Amino acid sequence: MPSPATRLRTGFGLIGPRRDRHEVPLDQLAALSVPVGDDGMVIGVDAEGRPTVLGINRPTPYDVTLIGGLWTAQVLALRAAATGARVTVETGRAPAWTALAQAAGGGQQCISLHDVGRVPPQGPSAGSPVVVVRDCGMRPPRGRVVSGPWQSVVTLLPYLSPVAPRLMEKSGVVGVQRVSPDEAAQIGRIMHLPSAETEALSTLADGVTLWCTARDRQFVMTQATDAETGLLGSARRMD
């Protein structure tokens, strides 16, 4: 007859080996940390090389405006998909997004493409959040699909345009890549940037973005992974 140590425990299986508990003295708890500053997708690193994240999947409406290049918008789309979000791209240049949409998801369609003004309702939920990327040129029309609970909207503007101030003012965060000195001055006024940061906007390297909110500002370098570089090429501001 099997010994008590080898008998099956109803509903729990075999008794496993006994080991000491993993314990940490109370005065050492502060030494335990995770090298992530927030919850979201990694969009790059700050000046000290620390990961910078953007919380893109939220239970409340969230709008993002990026005045920058297609390369950065596509990296953001890939990383949003990697968080489990369904990414919907509204674009007038579908061929520029086709390879990315086909490569993402490992055979599962997690990035879908739609013509401008043709995005159907997405049905977002906590278990299936949605990120809508609007790549609709300098004057994107008002979208049929707007931000809402578990549905964020990222609007890409290649340059500062007449609609930019309205979009920037309603956005939770604004990203600005290299722009002309005149555009930098206008953006500085809209976002209330210090003069040093305003002047820096016209000299930013490819892949660098100034991310701004009403209270905070941070320069971020987006560093592509090997897979992202293989699919999208090197970082670039111009398309």
C-alpha atoms as a PDB file:
ATOM      1  CA  MET A   1       0.000   0.000   0.000  1.00  0.00           C
ATOM      2  CA  PRO A   2       1.430   3.430  -0.960  1.00  0.00           C
ATOM      3  CA  SER A   3       2.814   5.521   1.841  1.00  0.00           C
ATOM      4  CA  PRO A   4       0.952   8.690   2.884  1.00  0.00           C
ATOM      5  CA  ALA A   5       3.628  10.788   1.116  1.00  0.00           C
ATOM      6  CA  THR A   6       2.872   9.200  -2.286  1.00  0.00           C
ATOM      7  CA  ARG A   7      -0.897   8.843  -2.083  1.00  0.00           C
ATOM      8  CA  LEU A   8      -2.989  11.144  -4.226  1.00  0.00           C
ATOM      9  CA  ARG A   9      -4.568  14.054  -2.411  1.00  0.00           C
ATOM     10  CA  THR A  10      -8.099  14.440  -3.694  1.00  0.00           C
ATOM     11  CA  GLY A  11      -8.237  17.408  -6.058  1.00  0.00           C
ATOM     12  CA  PHE A  12      -4.591  18.422  -5.591  1.00  0.00           C
ATOM     13  CA  GLY A  13      -2.448  15.630  -7.084  1.00  0.00           C
ATOM     14  CA  LEU A  14       0.755  14.201  -5.649  1.00  0.00           C
ATOM     15  CA  ILE A  15       2.425  15.780  -2.669  1.00  0.00           C
ATOM     16  CA  GLY A  16       5.506  17.617  -3.924  1.00  0.00           C
ATOM     17  CA  PRO A  17       8.883  18.093  -2.278  1.00  0.00           C
ATOM     18  CA  ARG A  18       9.016  20.228   0.836  1.00  0.00           C
ATOM     19  CA  ARG A  19      11.274  23.296   0.650  1.00  0.00           C
ATOM     20  CA  ASP A  20      11.935  26.335   2.788  1.00  0.00           C
ATOM     21  CA  ARG A  21       9.756  29.391   2.131  1.00  0.00           C
ATOM     22  CA  HIS A  22      11.238  32.327   0.211  1.00  0.00           C
ATOM     23  CA  GLU A  23      11.435  35.139   2.715  1.00  0.00           C
ATOM     24  CA  VAL A  24      12.923  38.645   2.715  1.00  0.00           C
ATOM     25  CA  PRO A  25      13.585  40.571   5.921  1.00  0.00           C
ATOM     26  CA  LEU A  26      11.366  43.616   6.290  1.00  0.00           C
ATOM     27  CA  ASP A  27      14.301  46.026   6.147  1.00  0.00           C
ATOM     28  CA  GLN A  28      15.298  44.656   2.692  1.00  0.00           C
ATOM     29  CA  LEU A  29      11.928  45.055   0.975  1.00  0.00           C
ATOM     30  CA  ALA A  30      12.875  48.491  -0.377  1.00  0.00           C
ATOM     31  CA  ALA A  31      15.666  46.839  -2.413  1.00  0.00           C
ATOM     32  CA  LEU A  32      13.120  44.903  -4.493  1.00  0.00           C
ATOM     33  CA  SER A  33      12.059  46.818  -7.589  1.00  0.00           C
ATOM     34  CA  VAL A  34      10.964  46.338 -11.193  1.00  0.00           C
ATOM     35  CA  PRO A  35      12.726  48.531 -13.812  1.00  0.00           C
ATOM     36  CA  VAL A  36       9.513  49.891 -15.334  1.00  0.00           C
ATOM     37  CA  GLY A  37       8.232  53.308 -14.400  1.00  0.00           C
ATOM     38  CA  ASP A  38       4.606  52.922 -15.409  1.00  0.00           C
ATOM     39  CA  ASP A  39       2.053  50.702 -17.099  1.00  0.00           C
ATOM     40  CA  GLY A  40       1.874  50.755 -20.893  1.00  0.00           C
ATOM     41  CA  MET A  41       3.916  50.220 -24.040  1.00  0.00           C
ATOM     42  CA  VAL A  42       7.584  51.156 -24.216  1.00  0.00           C
ATOM     43  CA  ILE A  43       8.025  54.056 -26.638  1.00  0.00           C
ATOM     44  CA  GLY A  44      11.765  54.547 -26.106  1.00  0.00           C
ATOM     45  CA  VAL A  45      14.311  55.657 -23.551  1.00  0.00           C
ATOM     46  CA  ASP A  46      14.913  58.974 -21.819  1.00  0.00           C
ATOM     47  CA  ALA A  47      18.192  60.905 -21.586  1.00  0.00           C
ATOM     48  CA  GLU A  48      19.402  58.545 -18.835  1.00  0.00           C
ATOM     49  CA  GLY A  49      18.586  55.432 -20.866  1.00  0.00           C
ATOM     50  CA  ARG A  50      15.573  54.493 -18.737  1.00  0.00           C
ATOM     51  CA  PRO A  51      12.515  52.980 -20.446  1.00  0.00           C
ATOM     52  CA  THR A  52       9.694  55.416 -21.150  1.00  0.00           C
ATOM     53  CA  VAL A  53       6.181  54.060 -21.469  1.00  0.00           C
ATOM     54  CA  LEU A  54       2.870  55.342 -22.766  1.00  0.00           C
ATOM     55  CA  GLY A  55      -0.328  54.004 -21.192  1.00  0.00           C
ATOM     56  CA  ILE A  56      -2.298  53.589 -24.400  1.00  0.00           C
ATOM     57  CA  ASN A  57      -5.004  51.148 -23.222  1.00  0.00           C
ATOM     58  CA  ARG A  58      -7.286  53.034 -20.828  1.00  0.00           C
ATOM     59  CA  PRO A  59     -10.832  52.768 -19.457  1.00  0.00           C
ATOM     60  CA  THR A  60     -11.358  56.434 -20.387  1.00  0.00           C
ATOM     61  CA  PRO A  61     -11.133  58.251 -23.759  1.00  0.00           C
ATOM     62  CA  TYR A  62      -7.553  59.035 -24.723  1.00  0.00           C
ATOM     63  CA  ASP A  63      -6.270  61.025 -27.699  1.00  0.00           C
ATOM     64  CA  VAL A  64      -2.664  61.267 -28.875  1.00  0.00           C
ATOM     65  CA  THR A  65      -1.353  63.668 -31.519  1.00  0.00           C
ATOM     66  CA  LEU A  66       2.006  62.934 -33.151  1.00  0.00           C
ATOM     67  CA  ILE A  67       3.551  65.611 -35.337  1.00  0.00           C
ATOM     68  CA  GLY A  68       6.200  63.466 -36.909  1.00  0.00           C
ATOM     69  CA  GLY A  69       7.079  60.717 -39.310  1.00  0.00           C
ATOM     70  CA  LEU A  70       5.414  57.537 -40.506  1.00  0.00           C
ATOM     71  CA  TRP A  71       8.260  55.402 -39.122  1.00  0.00           C
ATOM     72  CA  THR A  72       7.534  56.401 -35.526  1.00  0.00           C
ATOM     73  CA  ALA A  73       3.776  55.970 -35.975  1.00  0.00           C
ATOM     74  CA  GLN A  74       4.325  52.469 -37.321  1.00  0.00           C
ATOM     75  CA  VAL A  75       6.604  51.498 -34.439  1.00  0.00           C
ATOM     76  CA  LEU A  76       3.899  52.703 -32.047  1.00  0.00           C
ATOM     77  CA  ALA A  77       1.293  50.644 -33.925  1.00  0.00           C
ATOM     78  CA  LEU A  78       3.411  47.494 -33.681  1.00  0.00           C
ATOM     79  CA  ARG A  79       4.036  48.000 -29.981  1.00  0.00           C
ATOM     80  CA  ALA A  80       0.382  48.726 -29.282  1.00  0.00           C
ATOM     81  CA  ALA A  81      -0.475  45.430 -30.981  1.00  0.00           C
ATOM     82  CA  ALA A  82       2.144  43.710 -28.812  1.00  0.00           C
ATOM     83  CA  THR A  83       0.243  44.855 -25.697  1.00  0.00           C
ATOM     84  CA  GLY A  84      -2.801  42.921 -26.924  1.00  0.00           C
ATOM     85  CA  ALA A  85      -4.659  45.836 -28.497  1.00  0.00           C
ATOM     86  CA  ARG A  86      -6.410  45.583 -31.835  1.00  0.00           C
ATOM     87  CA  VAL A  87      -4.912  48.286 -34.054  1.00  0.00           C
ATOM     88  CA  THR A  88      -7.042  49.922 -36.725  1.00  0.00           C
ATOM     89  CA  VAL A  89      -5.275  52.157 -39.230  1.00  0.00           C
ATOM     90  CA  GLU A  90      -7.291  54.786 -41.096  1.00  0.00           C
ATOM     91  CA  THR A  91      -5.093  55.858 -43.993  1.00  0.00           C
ATOM     92  CA  GLY A  92      -5.029  57.309 -47.466  1.00  0.00           C
ATOM     93  CA  ARG A  93      -1.771  55.483 -48.252  1.00  0.00           C
ATOM     94  CA  ALA A  94      -2.561  51.853 -47.580  1.00  0.00           C
ATOM     95  CA  PRO A  95       0.490  50.517 -49.523  1.00  0.00           C
ATOM     96  CA  ALA A  96       2.763  52.130 -46.925  1.00  0.00           C
ATOM     97  CA  TRP A  97       1.068  50.066 -44.196  1.00  0.00           C
ATOM     98  CA  THR A  98       0.402  46.787 -46.008  1.00  0.00           C
ATOM     99  CA  ALA A  99       3.673  44.997 -45.185  1.00  0.00           C
ATOM    100  CA  LEU A 100       3.367  45.942 -41.527  1.00  0.00           C
ATOM    101  CA  ALA A 101      -0.235  44.745 -41.290  1.00  0.00           C
ATOM    102  CA  GLN A 102       0.677  41.428 -42.924  1.00  0.00           C
ATOM    103  CA  ALA A 103       3.717  40.859 -40.715  1.00  0.00           C
ATOM    104  CA  ALA A 104       2.140  41.761 -37.368  1.00  0.00           C
ATOM    105  CA  GLY A 105       0.442  39.169 -35.206  1.00  0.00           C
ATOM    106  CA  GLY A 106       2.211  36.042 -36.453  1.00  0.00           C
ATOM    107  CA  GLY A 107      -0.549  35.200 -38.912  1.00  0.00           C
ATOM    108  CA  GLN A 108      -3.392  36.630 -36.842  1.00  0.00           C
ATOM    109  CA  GLN A 109      -4.854  39.898 -38.057  1.00  0.00           C
ATOM    110  CA  CYS A 110      -4.189  42.322 -35.224  1.00  0.00           C
ATOM    111  CA  ILE A 111      -3.640  45.372 -37.480  1.00  0.00           C
ATOM    112  CA  SER A 112      -6.377  46.203 -39.974  1.00  0.00           C
ATOM    113  CA  LEU A 113      -6.352  48.896 -42.672  1.00  0.00           C
ATOM    114  CA  HIS A 114      -9.263  51.101 -43.725  1.00  0.00           C
ATOM    115  CA  ASP A 115      -9.717  53.962 -46.152  1.00  0.00           C
ATOM    116  CA  VAL A 116     -10.238  57.448 -44.744  1.00  0.00           C
ATOM    117  CA  GLY A 117     -13.769  57.769 -43.386  1.00  0.00           C
ATOM    118  CA  ARG A 118     -14.411  54.020 -43.684  1.00  0.00           C
ATOM    119  CA  VAL A 119     -13.543  52.766 -40.195  1.00  0.00           C
ATOM    120  CA  PRO A 120     -16.428  50.663 -38.829  1.00  0.00           C
ATOM    121  CA  PRO A 121     -17.340  50.528 -35.123  1.00  0.00           C
ATOM    122  CA  GLN A 122     -14.660  48.527 -33.323  1.00  0.00           C
ATOM    123  CA  GLY A 123     -16.441  47.272 -30.215  1.00  0.00           C
ATOM    124  CA  PRO A 124     -13.629  47.885 -27.720  1.00  0.00           C
ATOM    125  CA  SER A 125     -13.656  46.330 -24.259  1.00  0.00           C
ATOM    126  CA  ALA A 126     -11.311  45.799 -21.333  1.00  0.00           C
ATOM    127  CA  GLY A 127     -10.459  42.368 -22.732  1.00  0.00           C
ATOM    128  CA  SER A 128     -10.059  43.655 -26.291  1.00  0.00           C
ATOM    129  CA  PRO A 129      -8.833  47.272 -26.299  1.00  0.00           C
ATOM    130  CA  VAL A 130      -8.513  49.171 -29.572  1.00  0.00           C
ATOM    131  CA  VAL A 131      -6.009  51.725 -30.842  1.00  0.00           C
ATOM    132  CA  VAL A 132      -7.071  53.703 -33.914  1.00  0.00           C
ATOM    133  CA  VAL A 133      -4.177  55.254 -35.853  1.00  0.00           C
ATOM    134  CA  ARG A 134      -5.310  58.082 -38.121  1.00  0.00           C
ATOM    135  CA  ASP A 135      -2.817  58.636 -40.960  1.00  0.00           C
ATOM    136  CA  CYS A 136      -4.963  61.023 -42.963  1.00  0.00           C
ATOM    137  CA  GLY A 137      -2.563  63.744 -44.079  1.00  0.00           C
ATOM    138  CA  MET A 138      -2.303  67.407 -43.112  1.00  0.00           C
ATOM    139  CA  ARG A 139      -6.049  67.982 -42.707  1.00  0.00           C
ATOM    140  CA  PRO A 140      -7.605  64.796 -41.314  1.00  0.00           C
ATOM    141  CA  PRO A 141     -11.392  64.955 -41.442  1.00  0.00           C
ATOM    142  CA  ARG A 142     -13.323  64.473 -38.240  1.00  0.00           C
ATOM    143  CA  GLY A 143     -13.319  60.749 -37.648  1.00  0.00           C
ATOM    144  CA  ARG A 144     -16.401  58.565 -37.495  1.00  0.00           C
ATOM    145  CA  VAL A 145     -14.673  56.501 -34.809  1.00  0.00           C
ATOM    146  CA  VAL A 146     -13.569  58.603 -31.858  1.00  0.00           C
ATOM    147  CA  SER A 147     -11.821  57.852 -28.578  1.00  0.00           C
ATOM    148  CA  GLY A 148     -13.848  56.192 -25.844  1.00  0.00           C
ATOM    149  CA  PRO A 149     -13.466  53.656 -23.047  1.00  0.00           C
ATOM    150  CA  TRP A 150     -10.735  51.189 -24.089  1.00  0.00           C
ATOM    151  CA  GLN A 151     -10.376  52.899 -27.465  1.00  0.00           C
ATOM    152  CA  SER A 152      -7.524  55.375 -27.942  1.00  0.00           C
ATOM    153  CA  VAL A 153      -6.962  57.454 -31.073  1.00  0.00           C
ATOM    154  CA  VAL A 154      -3.496  58.387 -32.356  1.00  0.00           C
ATOM    155  CA  THR A 155      -3.514  61.097 -35.036  1.00  0.00           C
ATOM    156  CA  LEU A 156      -0.395  61.457 -37.193  1.00  0.00           C
ATOM    157  CA  LEU A 157       0.334  64.862 -38.712  1.00  0.00           C
ATOM    158  CA  PRO A 158       3.412  65.073 -40.955  1.00  0.00           C
ATOM    159  CA  TYR A 159       3.783  68.789 -40.171  1.00  0.00           C
ATOM    160  CA  LEU A 160       2.004  71.484 -38.222  1.00  0.00           C
ATOM    161  CA  SER A 161      -1.272  72.235 -39.997  1.00  0.00           C
ATOM    162  CA  PRO A 162      -4.296  74.487 -39.423  1.00  0.00           C
ATOM    163  CA  VAL A 163      -6.087  71.648 -37.599  1.00  0.00           C
ATOM    164  CA  ALA A 164      -3.121  70.914 -35.334  1.00  0.00           C
ATOM    165  CA  PRO A 165      -3.961  73.383 -32.531  1.00  0.00           C
ATOM    166  CA  ARG A 166      -7.437  71.884 -32.097  1.00  0.00           C
ATOM    167  CA  LEU A 167      -6.066  68.338 -32.032  1.00  0.00           C
ATOM    168  CA  MET A 168      -3.238  69.230 -29.664  1.00  0.00           C
ATOM    169  CA  GLU A 169      -5.504  70.973 -27.198  1.00  0.00           C
ATOM    170  CA  LYS A 170      -7.835  67.983 -26.872  1.00  0.00           C
ATOM    171  CA  SER A 171      -5.047  65.386 -26.686  1.00  0.00           C
ATOM    172  CA  GLY A 172      -3.902  63.742 -23.498  1.00  0.00           C
ATOM    173  CA  VAL A 173      -0.338  63.744 -24.841  1.00  0.00           C
ATOM    174  CA  VAL A 174       1.357  65.347 -27.849  1.00  0.00           C
ATOM    175  CA  GLY A 175       4.501  64.056 -29.552  1.00  0.00           C
ATOM    176  CA  VAL A 176       6.631  66.421 -31.640  1.00  0.00           C
ATOM    177  CA  GLN A 177       9.503  65.365 -33.851  1.00  0.00           C
ATOM    178  CA  ARG A 178      11.819  67.606 -35.871  1.00  0.00           C
ATOM    179  CA  VAL A 179       9.980  70.593 -37.348  1.00  0.00           C
ATOM    180  CA  SER A 180      11.014  73.913 -38.897  1.00  0.00           C
ATOM    181  CA  PRO A 181      11.943  76.838 -36.617  1.00  0.00           C
ATOM    182  CA  ASP A 182       8.678  78.612 -37.477  1.00  0.00           C
ATOM    183  CA  GLU A 183       6.648  75.503 -36.636  1.00  0.00           C
ATOM    184  CA  ALA A 184       8.662  75.061 -33.450  1.00  0.00           C
ATOM    185  CA  ALA A 185       7.786  78.596 -32.352  1.00  0.00           C
ATOM    186  CA  GLN A 186       4.064  77.961 -32.929  1.00  0.00           C
ATOM    187  CA  ILE A 187       4.166  74.639 -31.097  1.00  0.00           C
ATOM    188  CA  GLY A 188       6.045  76.262 -28.237  1.00  0.00           C
ATOM    189  CA  ARG A 189       3.267  78.813 -27.827  1.00  0.00           C
ATOM    190  CA  ILE A 190       0.498  76.217 -28.004  1.00  0.00           C
ATOM    191  CA  MET A 191       2.162  73.828 -25.542  1.00  0.00           C
ATOM    192  CA  HIS A 192       3.698  76.562 -23.336  1.00  0.00           C
ATOM    193  CA  LEU A 193       7.213  75.195 -23.809  1.00  0.00           C
ATOM    194  CA  PRO A 194      10.332  76.834 -22.365  1.00  0.00           C
ATOM    195  CA  SER A 195      12.492  78.584 -24.969  1.00  0.00           C
ATOM    196  CA  ALA A 196      15.265  75.956 -24.797  1.00  0.00           C
ATOM    197  CA  GLU A 197      12.892  73.110 -25.629  1.00  0.00           C
ATOM    198  CA  THR A 198      11.159  75.163 -28.326  1.00  0.00           C
ATOM    199  CA  GLU A 199      14.491  75.833 -30.044  1.00  0.00           C
ATOM    200  CA  ALA A 200      15.489  72.165 -29.753  1.00  0.00           C
ATOM    201  CA  LEU A 201      12.488  71.047 -31.824  1.00  0.00           C
ATOM    202  CA  SER A 202      14.130  72.158 -35.073  1.00  0.00           C
ATOM    203  CA  THR A 203      17.327  70.175 -34.371  1.00  0.00           C
ATOM    204  CA  LEU A 204      16.013  66.812 -33.127  1.00  0.00           C
ATOM    205  CA  ALA A 205      17.653  63.687 -34.488  1.00  0.00           C
ATOM    206  CA  ASP A 206      15.667  61.037 -36.339  1.00  0.00           C
ATOM    207  CA  GLY A 207      13.781  58.871 -33.861  1.00  0.00           C
ATOM    208  CA  VAL A 208      13.689  61.533 -31.127  1.00  0.00           C
ATOM    209  CA  THR A 209      10.309  62.857 -29.971  1.00  0.00           C
ATOM    210  CA  LEU A 210       9.380  65.465 -27.397  1.00  0.00           C
ATOM    211  CA  TRP A 211       6.330  64.067 -25.603  1.00  0.00           C
ATOM    212  CA  CYS A 212       4.290  66.757 -23.845  1.00  0.00           C
ATOM    213  CA  THR A 213       1.306  66.906 -21.547  1.00  0.00           C
ATOM    214  CA  ALA A 214      -0.176  69.945 -19.854  1.00  0.00           C
ATOM    215  CA  ARG A 215       2.305  69.511 -16.992  1.00  0.00           C
ATOM    216  CA  ASP A 216       5.184  67.306 -18.119  1.00  0.00           C
ATOM    217  CA  ARG A 217       7.666  67.150 -20.992  1.00  0.00           C
ATOM    218  CA  GLN A 218      10.209  64.506 -21.911  1.00  0.00           C
ATOM    219  CA  PHE A 219      12.551  63.878 -24.834  1.00  0.00           C
ATOM    220  CA  VAL A 220      12.432  60.219 -25.846  1.00  0.00           C
ATOM    221  CA  MET A 221      14.615  58.259 -28.248  1.00  0.00           C
ATOM    222  CA  THR A 222      12.747  55.426 -29.945  1.00  0.00           C
ATOM    223  CA  GLN A 223      15.139  52.544 -30.521  1.00  0.00           C
ATOM    224  CA  ALA A 224      13.858  49.905 -32.906  1.00  0.00           C
ATOM    225  CA  THR A 225      14.260  46.210 -32.205  1.00  0.00           C
ATOM    226  CA  ASP A 226      15.937  44.011 -34.814  1.00  0.00           C
ATOM    227  CA  ALA A 227      12.521  42.810 -35.982  1.00  0.00           C
ATOM    228  CA  GLU A 228      11.206  46.365 -36.283  1.00  0.00           C
ATOM    229  CA  THR A 229      14.286  47.471 -38.217  1.00  0.00           C
ATOM    230  CA  GLY A 230      13.957  44.512 -40.569  1.00  0.00           C
ATOM    231  CA  LEU A 231      10.362  45.452 -41.296  1.00  0.00           C
ATOM    232  CA  LEU A 232      10.473  49.259 -41.220  1.00  0.00           C
ATOM    233  CA  GLY A 233      14.117  50.160 -41.790  1.00  0.00           C
ATOM    234  CA  SER A 234      16.101  52.667 -39.761  1.00  0.00           C
ATOM    235  CA  ALA A 235      14.541  55.567 -37.885  1.00  0.00           C
ATOM    236  CA  ARG A 236      13.667  58.504 -40.121  1.00  0.00           C
ATOM    237  CA  ARG A 237      11.700  61.695 -39.835  1.00  0.00           C
ATOM    238  CA  MET A 238      10.879  62.127 -43.511  1.00  0.00           C
ATOM    239  CA  ASP A 239       8.815  59.596 -45.504  1.00  0.00           C
END
